[in-house]
Amino acid sequence: VVFLEGDGGNGTVIALRDDRSKHLLARISGVELGENQVQEIWLVRDGAETPISLGLLPRTSDDGSLLISIDHEVSPGQDTLAISIEPLGGSPLDGPSGPVILAGIVEAI
């Protein structure tokens, strides 16, 4: 489970990941996207030089929920998930090119 918060209280994400299916179920609230923007999710691993892109997030349903697959293993208490706002197609860099709007440490439940 991970609870991601933005600076100043703008936006939250509560996400649950099933290690067997590798599905991540998330509920996003308070995040506004422009027409030519997407959200990209990142794995920030302690000691790694750059964050690892876990892919682009699809637009959420009306209730803010989405389901994605994440093939990377995550380490509770060590790894952080972060979401940035990127141009269509995602970040052109090795890491986020736009602002990181939400971040939180992965925790086991």
C-alpha atoms as a PDB file:
ATOM      1  CA  VAL A   1       0.000   0.000   0.000  1.00  0.00           C
ATOM      2  CA  VAL A   2       1.160   3.526  -0.639  1.00  0.00           C
ATOM      3  CA  PHE A   3      -0.378   6.853   0.260  1.00  0.00           C
ATOM      4  CA  LEU A   4       0.955   9.608  -1.955  1.00  0.00           C
ATOM      5  CA  GLU A   5       0.546  13.248  -1.008  1.00  0.00           C
ATOM      6  CA  GLY A   6       1.352  16.459  -2.809  1.00  0.00           C
ATOM      7  CA  ASP A   7       2.894  19.583  -1.345  1.00  0.00           C
ATOM      8  CA  GLY A   8       0.328  21.914   0.150  1.00  0.00           C
ATOM      9  CA  GLY A   9      -2.383  19.241   0.223  1.00  0.00           C
ATOM     10  CA  ASN A  10      -3.008  19.283  -3.551  1.00  0.00           C
ATOM     11  CA  GLY A  11      -3.894  15.764  -4.570  1.00  0.00           C
ATOM     12  CA  THR A  12      -3.793  12.371  -2.948  1.00  0.00           C
ATOM     13  CA  VAL A  13      -3.466   8.782  -4.114  1.00  0.00           C
ATOM     14  CA  ILE A  14      -4.181   5.645  -2.167  1.00  0.00           C
ATOM     15  CA  ALA A  15      -2.820   2.595  -3.998  1.00  0.00           C
ATOM     16  CA  LEU A  16      -2.900  -1.139  -3.239  1.00  0.00           C
ATOM     17  CA  ARG A  17      -0.694  -3.647  -5.091  1.00  0.00           C
ATOM     18  CA  ASP A  18      -1.265  -7.388  -5.254  1.00  0.00           C
ATOM     19  CA  ASP A  19       2.175  -9.057  -5.524  1.00  0.00           C
ATOM     20  CA  ARG A  20       0.732 -12.153  -7.204  1.00  0.00           C
ATOM     21  CA  SER A  21      -1.129 -10.401 -10.018  1.00  0.00           C
ATOM     22  CA  LYS A  22       1.158  -7.318 -10.020  1.00  0.00           C
ATOM     23  CA  HIS A  23      -1.948  -5.155 -10.370  1.00  0.00           C
ATOM     24  CA  LEU A  24      -2.016  -1.759  -8.723  1.00  0.00           C
ATOM     25  CA  LEU A  25      -5.438  -0.405  -7.834  1.00  0.00           C
ATOM     26  CA  ALA A  26      -5.329   3.322  -7.140  1.00  0.00           C
ATOM     27  CA  ARG A  27      -7.776   6.062  -6.329  1.00  0.00           C
ATOM     28  CA  ILE A  28      -6.588   9.533  -7.316  1.00  0.00           C
ATOM     29  CA  SER A  29      -8.191  12.758  -6.146  1.00  0.00           C
ATOM     30  CA  GLY A  30      -7.410  16.445  -6.481  1.00  0.00           C
ATOM     31  CA  VAL A  31      -5.161  16.177  -9.555  1.00  0.00           C
ATOM     32  CA  GLU A  32      -5.994  18.351 -12.554  1.00  0.00           C
ATOM     33  CA  LEU A  33      -4.424  17.615 -15.944  1.00  0.00           C
ATOM     34  CA  GLY A  34      -4.206  19.843 -18.975  1.00  0.00           C
ATOM     35  CA  GLU A  35      -5.354  18.573 -22.368  1.00  0.00           C
ATOM     36  CA  ASN A  36      -1.799  17.738 -23.494  1.00  0.00           C
ATOM     37  CA  GLN A  37      -0.595  16.270 -20.210  1.00  0.00           C
ATOM     38  CA  VAL A  38      -0.348  12.782 -18.727  1.00  0.00           C
ATOM     39  CA  GLN A  39       0.646  11.388 -15.364  1.00  0.00           C
ATOM     40  CA  GLU A  40       3.707   9.136 -15.210  1.00  0.00           C
ATOM     41  CA  ILE A  41       4.404   6.863 -12.240  1.00  0.00           C
ATOM     42  CA  TRP A  42       7.968   6.342 -11.020  1.00  0.00           C
ATOM     43  CA  LEU A  43       9.753   3.922  -8.724  1.00  0.00           C
ATOM     44  CA  VAL A  44      12.327   5.783  -6.660  1.00  0.00           C
ATOM     45  CA  ARG A  45      14.720   3.198  -5.271  1.00  0.00           C
ATOM     46  CA  ASP A  46      17.149   4.107  -2.513  1.00  0.00           C
ATOM     47  CA  GLY A  47      20.684   4.176  -3.957  1.00  0.00           C
ATOM     48  CA  ALA A  48      19.588   4.211  -7.621  1.00  0.00           C
ATOM     49  CA  GLU A  49      20.929   6.995  -9.826  1.00  0.00           C
ATOM     50  CA  THR A  50      17.610   7.745 -11.507  1.00  0.00           C
ATOM     51  CA  PRO A  51      13.946   6.872 -10.931  1.00  0.00           C
ATOM     52  CA  ILE A  52      12.491   3.979 -12.960  1.00  0.00           C
ATOM     53  CA  SER A  53       9.442   4.780 -15.060  1.00  0.00           C
ATOM     54  CA  LEU A  54       6.611   2.362 -14.346  1.00  0.00           C
ATOM     55  CA  GLY A  55       4.547   3.776 -17.180  1.00  0.00           C
ATOM     56  CA  LEU A  56       1.922   6.337 -17.986  1.00  0.00           C
ATOM     57  CA  LEU A  57      -1.273   6.403 -15.977  1.00  0.00           C
ATOM     58  CA  PRO A  58      -4.503   6.248 -17.945  1.00  0.00           C
ATOM     59  CA  ARG A  59      -7.129   8.895 -17.341  1.00  0.00           C
ATOM     60  CA  THR A  60      -9.123   7.851 -14.290  1.00  0.00           C
ATOM     61  CA  SER A  61     -12.754   6.859 -14.187  1.00  0.00           C
ATOM     62  CA  ASP A  62     -15.353   9.277 -12.818  1.00  0.00           C
ATOM     63  CA  ASP A  63     -14.636   8.127  -9.257  1.00  0.00           C
ATOM     64  CA  GLY A  64     -10.875   8.618  -9.688  1.00  0.00           C
ATOM     65  CA  SER A  65      -9.979   4.914  -9.711  1.00  0.00           C
ATOM     66  CA  LEU A  66      -7.641   3.113 -12.086  1.00  0.00           C
ATOM     67  CA  LEU A  67      -6.048  -0.324 -12.416  1.00  0.00           C
ATOM     68  CA  ILE A  68      -2.578  -0.837 -13.892  1.00  0.00           C
ATOM     69  CA  SER A  69       0.056  -3.591 -13.927  1.00  0.00           C
ATOM     70  CA  ILE A  70       3.506  -2.943 -12.481  1.00  0.00           C
ATOM     71  CA  ASP A  71       6.080  -5.594 -13.361  1.00  0.00           C
ATOM     72  CA  HIS A  72       8.811  -4.291 -11.037  1.00  0.00           C
ATOM     73  CA  GLU A  73       9.143  -5.644  -7.519  1.00  0.00           C
ATOM     74  CA  VAL A  74       8.730  -3.014  -4.820  1.00  0.00           C
ATOM     75  CA  SER A  75      10.304  -3.095  -1.355  1.00  0.00           C
ATOM     76  CA  PRO A  76       8.063  -1.943   1.497  1.00  0.00           C
ATOM     77  CA  GLY A  77       9.695   0.614   3.766  1.00  0.00           C
ATOM     78  CA  GLN A  78      12.421   1.335   1.212  1.00  0.00           C
ATOM     79  CA  ASP A  79      10.928   2.195  -2.171  1.00  0.00           C
ATOM     80  CA  THR A  80       8.967   5.319  -3.011  1.00  0.00           C
ATOM     81  CA  LEU A  81       6.337   5.708  -5.710  1.00  0.00           C
ATOM     82  CA  ALA A  82       5.988   9.142  -7.278  1.00  0.00           C
ATOM     83  CA  ILE A  83       3.754  10.683  -9.939  1.00  0.00           C
ATOM     84  CA  SER A  84       4.825  13.468 -12.256  1.00  0.00           C
ATOM     85  CA  ILE A  85       2.966  15.537 -14.820  1.00  0.00           C
ATOM     86  CA  GLU A  86       4.466  14.997 -18.264  1.00  0.00           C
ATOM     87  CA  PRO A  87       3.794  15.915 -21.894  1.00  0.00           C
ATOM     88  CA  LEU A  88       1.816  13.431 -23.996  1.00  0.00           C
ATOM     89  CA  GLY A  89       3.936  10.334 -24.518  1.00  0.00           C
ATOM     90  CA  GLY A  90       5.721  10.717 -21.182  1.00  0.00           C
ATOM     91  CA  SER A  91       8.983  12.187 -20.019  1.00  0.00           C
ATOM     92  CA  PRO A  92      11.639  12.613 -22.714  1.00  0.00           C
ATOM     93  CA  LEU A  93      14.314  12.310 -19.989  1.00  0.00           C
ATOM     94  CA  ASP A  94      15.641   9.404 -17.916  1.00  0.00           C
ATOM     95  CA  GLY A  95      13.624  10.792 -15.012  1.00  0.00           C
ATOM     96  CA  PRO A  96      10.684  13.157 -14.621  1.00  0.00           C
ATOM     97  CA  SER A  97      10.770  16.224 -16.865  1.00  0.00           C
ATOM     98  CA  GLY A  98       7.706  17.804 -15.288  1.00  0.00           C
ATOM     99  CA  PRO A  99       6.822  18.473 -11.686  1.00  0.00           C
ATOM    100  CA  VAL A 100       6.567  15.562  -9.265  1.00  0.00           C
ATOM    101  CA  ILE A 101       3.155  16.212  -7.767  1.00  0.00           C
ATOM    102  CA  LEU A 102       2.720  13.191  -5.490  1.00  0.00           C
ATOM    103  CA  ALA A 103       5.111  10.875  -3.645  1.00  0.00           C
ATOM    104  CA  GLY A 104       4.929   8.276  -0.891  1.00  0.00           C
ATOM    105  CA  ILE A 105       6.835   5.336   0.615  1.00  0.00           C
ATOM    106  CA  VAL A 106       5.533   1.815  -0.106  1.00  0.00           C
ATOM    107  CA  GLU A 107       4.332   0.016   3.039  1.00  0.00           C
ATOM    108  CA  ALA A 108       3.253  -3.601   3.557  1.00  0.00           C
ATOM    109  CA  ILE A 109      -0.165  -4.346   5.034  1.00  0.00           C
END
